[in-house]
């Protein structure tokens, strides 16, 4: 497996295309670093809700854990 991939989430928010890009990335990667830009949100509660929503959207391809560090979400795919 390769190292971590990096994504940015901006004013467009969580779209189906963005979720599909994450699905494709997790086929080859185990860790994704997701930076939330100021145009998306600067509310820490919304950052956590976004991380939970991403994990629930990706549950069909495996189990995921996340960690929020500031306005960055680290997504980790667990083994099946």
N, C-alpha and C. Protein backbone atom coordinates (compact mmCIF):
# COMPACT_ATOMS: atom_id res chain seq x y z
N UNK A 1 0.83 -1.18 0.00
CA UNK A 1 0.00 0.00 0.00
C UNK A 1 0.87 1.25 0.00
N UNK A 2 0.33 2.26 -0.57
CA UNK A 2 1.02 3.54 -0.61
C UNK A 2 0.74 4.33 0.66
N UNK A 3 1.36 5.50 0.76
CA UNK A 3 1.17 6.37 1.91
C UNK A 3 -0.18 7.05 1.89
N UNK A 4 -0.25 8.20 2.52
CA UNK A 4 -1.53 8.89 2.64
C UNK A 4 -1.80 9.78 1.44
N UNK A 5 -3.08 9.96 1.15
CA UNK A 5 -3.53 10.86 0.09
C UNK A 5 -4.04 12.14 0.76
N UNK A 6 -4.02 13.24 0.01
CA UNK A 6 -4.45 14.53 0.56
C UNK A 6 -5.58 15.09 -0.29
N UNK A 7 -6.63 15.55 0.40
CA UNK A 7 -7.78 16.17 -0.25
C UNK A 7 -8.09 17.48 0.45
N UNK A 8 -8.77 18.38 -0.27
CA UNK A 8 -9.26 19.62 0.31
C UNK A 8 -10.76 19.68 0.08
N UNK A 9 -11.47 20.11 1.10
CA UNK A 9 -12.92 20.26 1.01
C UNK A 9 -13.25 21.73 1.14
N UNK A 10 -13.84 22.29 0.09
CA UNK A 10 -14.12 23.73 0.06
C UNK A 10 -15.59 24.05 0.04
N UNK A 11 -15.93 25.14 -0.63
CA UNK A 11 -17.29 25.66 -0.59
C UNK A 11 -18.31 24.76 -1.26
N UNK A 12 -17.88 23.86 -2.15
CA UNK A 12 -18.82 22.94 -2.79
C UNK A 12 -19.36 21.92 -1.79
N UNK A 13 -18.62 21.66 -0.72
CA UNK A 13 -19.08 20.76 0.32
C UNK A 13 -18.96 19.30 -0.08
N UNK A 14 -19.69 18.44 0.63
CA UNK A 14 -19.67 17.00 0.37
C UNK A 14 -20.60 16.69 -0.79
N UNK A 15 -20.04 16.42 -1.93
CA UNK A 15 -20.83 16.05 -3.09
C UNK A 15 -20.65 14.56 -3.37
N UNK A 16 -21.49 14.02 -4.23
CA UNK A 16 -21.36 12.61 -4.60
C UNK A 16 -20.03 12.36 -5.30
N UNK A 17 -19.58 13.32 -6.11
CA UNK A 17 -18.30 13.17 -6.80
C UNK A 17 -17.14 13.11 -5.82
N UNK A 18 -17.22 13.92 -4.77
CA UNK A 18 -16.17 13.92 -3.75
C UNK A 18 -16.13 12.57 -3.02
N UNK A 19 -17.29 12.06 -2.64
CA UNK A 19 -17.38 10.76 -1.97
C UNK A 19 -16.86 9.65 -2.89
N UNK A 20 -17.19 9.73 -4.17
CA UNK A 20 -16.72 8.73 -5.13
C UNK A 20 -15.20 8.79 -5.28
N UNK A 21 -14.63 9.99 -5.24
CA UNK A 21 -13.17 10.12 -5.29
C UNK A 21 -12.51 9.47 -4.08
N UNK A 22 -13.14 9.63 -2.91
CA UNK A 22 -12.62 8.98 -1.71
C UNK A 22 -12.70 7.46 -1.84
N UNK A 23 -13.81 6.95 -2.38
CA UNK A 23 -13.95 5.50 -2.57
C UNK A 23 -12.83 4.95 -3.44
N UNK A 24 -12.55 5.64 -4.54
CA UNK A 24 -11.49 5.21 -5.46
C UNK A 24 -10.13 5.28 -4.78
N UNK A 25 -9.91 6.30 -3.99
CA UNK A 25 -8.63 6.46 -3.32
C UNK A 25 -8.40 5.36 -2.30
N UNK A 26 -9.43 4.97 -1.57
CA UNK A 26 -9.28 3.95 -0.53
C UNK A 26 -9.08 2.55 -1.11
N UNK A 27 -9.18 2.38 -2.42
CA UNK A 27 -8.85 1.09 -3.00
C UNK A 27 -7.34 0.83 -2.93
N UNK A 28 -6.55 1.91 -2.97
CA UNK A 28 -5.09 1.79 -2.97
C UNK A 28 -4.43 2.38 -1.73
N UNK A 29 -5.14 3.14 -0.97
CA UNK A 29 -4.55 3.83 0.18
C UNK A 29 -5.27 3.45 1.46
N UNK A 30 -4.58 3.63 2.56
CA UNK A 30 -5.14 3.30 3.87
C UNK A 30 -5.49 4.57 4.66
N UNK A 31 -4.77 5.66 4.39
CA UNK A 31 -4.96 6.90 5.13
C UNK A 31 -5.22 8.05 4.16
N UNK A 32 -6.20 8.88 4.50
CA UNK A 32 -6.49 10.09 3.73
C UNK A 32 -6.50 11.28 4.68
N UNK A 33 -5.78 12.32 4.29
CA UNK A 33 -5.75 13.56 5.05
C UNK A 33 -6.66 14.55 4.33
N UNK A 34 -7.68 15.02 5.03
CA UNK A 34 -8.70 15.88 4.44
C UNK A 34 -8.67 17.25 5.12
N UNK A 35 -8.24 18.27 4.39
CA UNK A 35 -8.18 19.63 4.93
C UNK A 35 -9.48 20.36 4.61
N UNK A 36 -10.08 20.94 5.63
CA UNK A 36 -11.31 21.72 5.43
C UNK A 36 -10.93 23.18 5.30
N UNK A 37 -11.25 23.75 4.16
CA UNK A 37 -10.91 25.14 3.90
C UNK A 37 -11.88 26.07 4.61
N UNK A 38 -11.46 27.31 4.78
CA UNK A 38 -12.30 28.31 5.46
C UNK A 38 -13.61 28.53 4.71
N UNK A 39 -13.60 28.34 3.39
CA UNK A 39 -14.83 28.53 2.62
C UNK A 39 -15.86 27.44 2.91
N UNK A 40 -15.42 26.30 3.48
CA UNK A 40 -16.35 25.24 3.85
C UNK A 40 -16.96 25.55 5.21
N UNK A 41 -16.13 25.64 6.24
CA UNK A 41 -16.64 25.92 7.58
C UNK A 41 -15.50 26.20 8.54
N UNK A 42 -15.79 26.95 9.56
CA UNK A 42 -14.84 27.18 10.65
C UNK A 42 -15.49 26.86 11.99
N UNK A 43 -16.46 25.96 11.94
CA UNK A 43 -17.15 25.51 13.14
C UNK A 43 -16.66 24.11 13.48
N UNK A 44 -16.05 23.94 14.64
CA UNK A 44 -15.47 22.64 15.01
C UNK A 44 -16.53 21.54 15.12
N UNK A 45 -17.72 21.89 15.54
CA UNK A 45 -18.79 20.90 15.62
C UNK A 45 -19.14 20.39 14.23
N UNK A 46 -19.18 21.28 13.26
CA UNK A 46 -19.50 20.89 11.89
C UNK A 46 -18.38 20.02 11.29
N UNK A 47 -17.14 20.26 11.69
CA UNK A 47 -16.01 19.44 11.23
C UNK A 47 -16.21 17.99 11.69
N UNK A 48 -16.58 17.81 12.95
CA UNK A 48 -16.80 16.46 13.49
C UNK A 48 -18.00 15.80 12.80
N UNK A 49 -19.07 16.55 12.59
CA UNK A 49 -20.24 16.01 11.90
C UNK A 49 -19.90 15.60 10.47
N UNK A 50 -19.05 16.38 9.81
CA UNK A 50 -18.61 16.05 8.45
C UNK A 50 -17.82 14.75 8.43
N UNK A 51 -16.93 14.57 9.41
CA UNK A 51 -16.14 13.34 9.50
C UNK A 51 -17.05 12.13 9.71
N UNK A 52 -18.03 12.26 10.57
CA UNK A 52 -18.97 11.16 10.81
C UNK A 52 -19.79 10.85 9.57
N UNK A 53 -20.19 11.88 8.84
CA UNK A 53 -20.98 11.67 7.63
C UNK A 53 -20.15 10.97 6.56
N UNK A 54 -18.88 11.35 6.42
CA UNK A 54 -18.01 10.70 5.45
C UNK A 54 -17.85 9.22 5.79
N UNK A 55 -17.62 8.92 7.06
CA UNK A 55 -17.47 7.51 7.48
C UNK A 55 -18.73 6.71 7.19
N UNK A 56 -19.89 7.31 7.42
CA UNK A 56 -21.14 6.58 7.16
C UNK A 56 -21.37 6.39 5.66
N UNK A 57 -20.95 7.35 4.84
CA UNK A 57 -21.09 7.22 3.39
C UNK A 57 -20.17 6.14 2.83
N UNK A 58 -19.04 5.91 3.49
CA UNK A 58 -18.06 4.95 2.99
C UNK A 58 -18.17 3.58 3.63
N UNK A 59 -19.18 3.36 4.46
CA UNK A 59 -19.27 2.10 5.20
C UNK A 59 -19.47 0.89 4.28
N UNK A 60 -19.90 1.11 3.03
CA UNK A 60 -20.08 -0.01 2.11
C UNK A 60 -18.76 -0.60 1.60
N UNK A 61 -17.65 0.11 1.77
CA UNK A 61 -16.36 -0.42 1.31
C UNK A 61 -15.44 -0.83 2.46
N UNK A 62 -15.88 -0.65 3.71
CA UNK A 62 -15.06 -1.06 4.85
C UNK A 62 -15.36 -0.24 6.09
N UNK A 63 -14.59 -0.52 7.15
CA UNK A 63 -14.73 0.23 8.39
C UNK A 63 -13.72 1.36 8.41
N UNK A 64 -14.15 2.50 8.93
CA UNK A 64 -13.29 3.67 8.96
C UNK A 64 -13.27 4.28 10.36
N UNK A 65 -12.14 4.83 10.71
CA UNK A 65 -11.97 5.63 11.92
C UNK A 65 -11.51 7.00 11.47
N UNK A 66 -11.75 8.00 12.29
CA UNK A 66 -11.28 9.33 11.95
C UNK A 66 -10.72 10.02 13.19
N UNK A 67 -9.89 11.00 12.93
CA UNK A 67 -9.36 11.85 14.00
C UNK A 67 -9.36 13.28 13.48
N UNK A 68 -9.90 14.18 14.28
CA UNK A 68 -9.97 15.58 13.90
C UNK A 68 -8.83 16.32 14.60
N UNK A 69 -8.00 16.98 13.81
CA UNK A 69 -6.90 17.79 14.34
C UNK A 69 -7.08 19.18 13.75
N UNK A 70 -7.57 20.09 14.56
CA UNK A 70 -7.85 21.44 14.07
C UNK A 70 -8.96 21.38 13.04
N UNK A 71 -8.65 21.80 11.81
CA UNK A 71 -9.62 21.74 10.72
C UNK A 71 -9.16 20.73 9.67
N UNK A 72 -8.51 19.68 10.15
CA UNK A 72 -8.06 18.58 9.31
C UNK A 72 -8.65 17.27 9.83
N UNK A 73 -9.12 16.44 8.92
CA UNK A 73 -9.68 15.14 9.28
C UNK A 73 -8.74 14.07 8.72
N UNK A 74 -8.27 13.20 9.59
CA UNK A 74 -7.47 12.06 9.18
C UNK A 74 -8.39 10.85 9.14
N UNK A 75 -8.58 10.27 7.97
CA UNK A 75 -9.43 9.09 7.81
C UNK A 75 -8.54 7.86 7.67
N UNK A 76 -8.85 6.84 8.43
CA UNK A 76 -8.09 5.58 8.42
C UNK A 76 -9.01 4.43 8.11
N UNK A 77 -8.64 3.64 7.11
CA UNK A 77 -9.43 2.48 6.75
C UNK A 77 -8.92 1.27 7.53
N UNK A 78 -9.83 0.61 8.25
CA UNK A 78 -9.49 -0.59 8.99
C UNK A 78 -9.59 -1.80 8.09
N UNK A 79 -8.95 -2.89 8.48
CA UNK A 79 -9.04 -4.12 7.71
C UNK A 79 -10.47 -4.64 7.72
N UNK A 80 -10.80 -5.41 6.69
CA UNK A 80 -12.15 -5.98 6.59
C UNK A 80 -12.33 -7.10 7.56
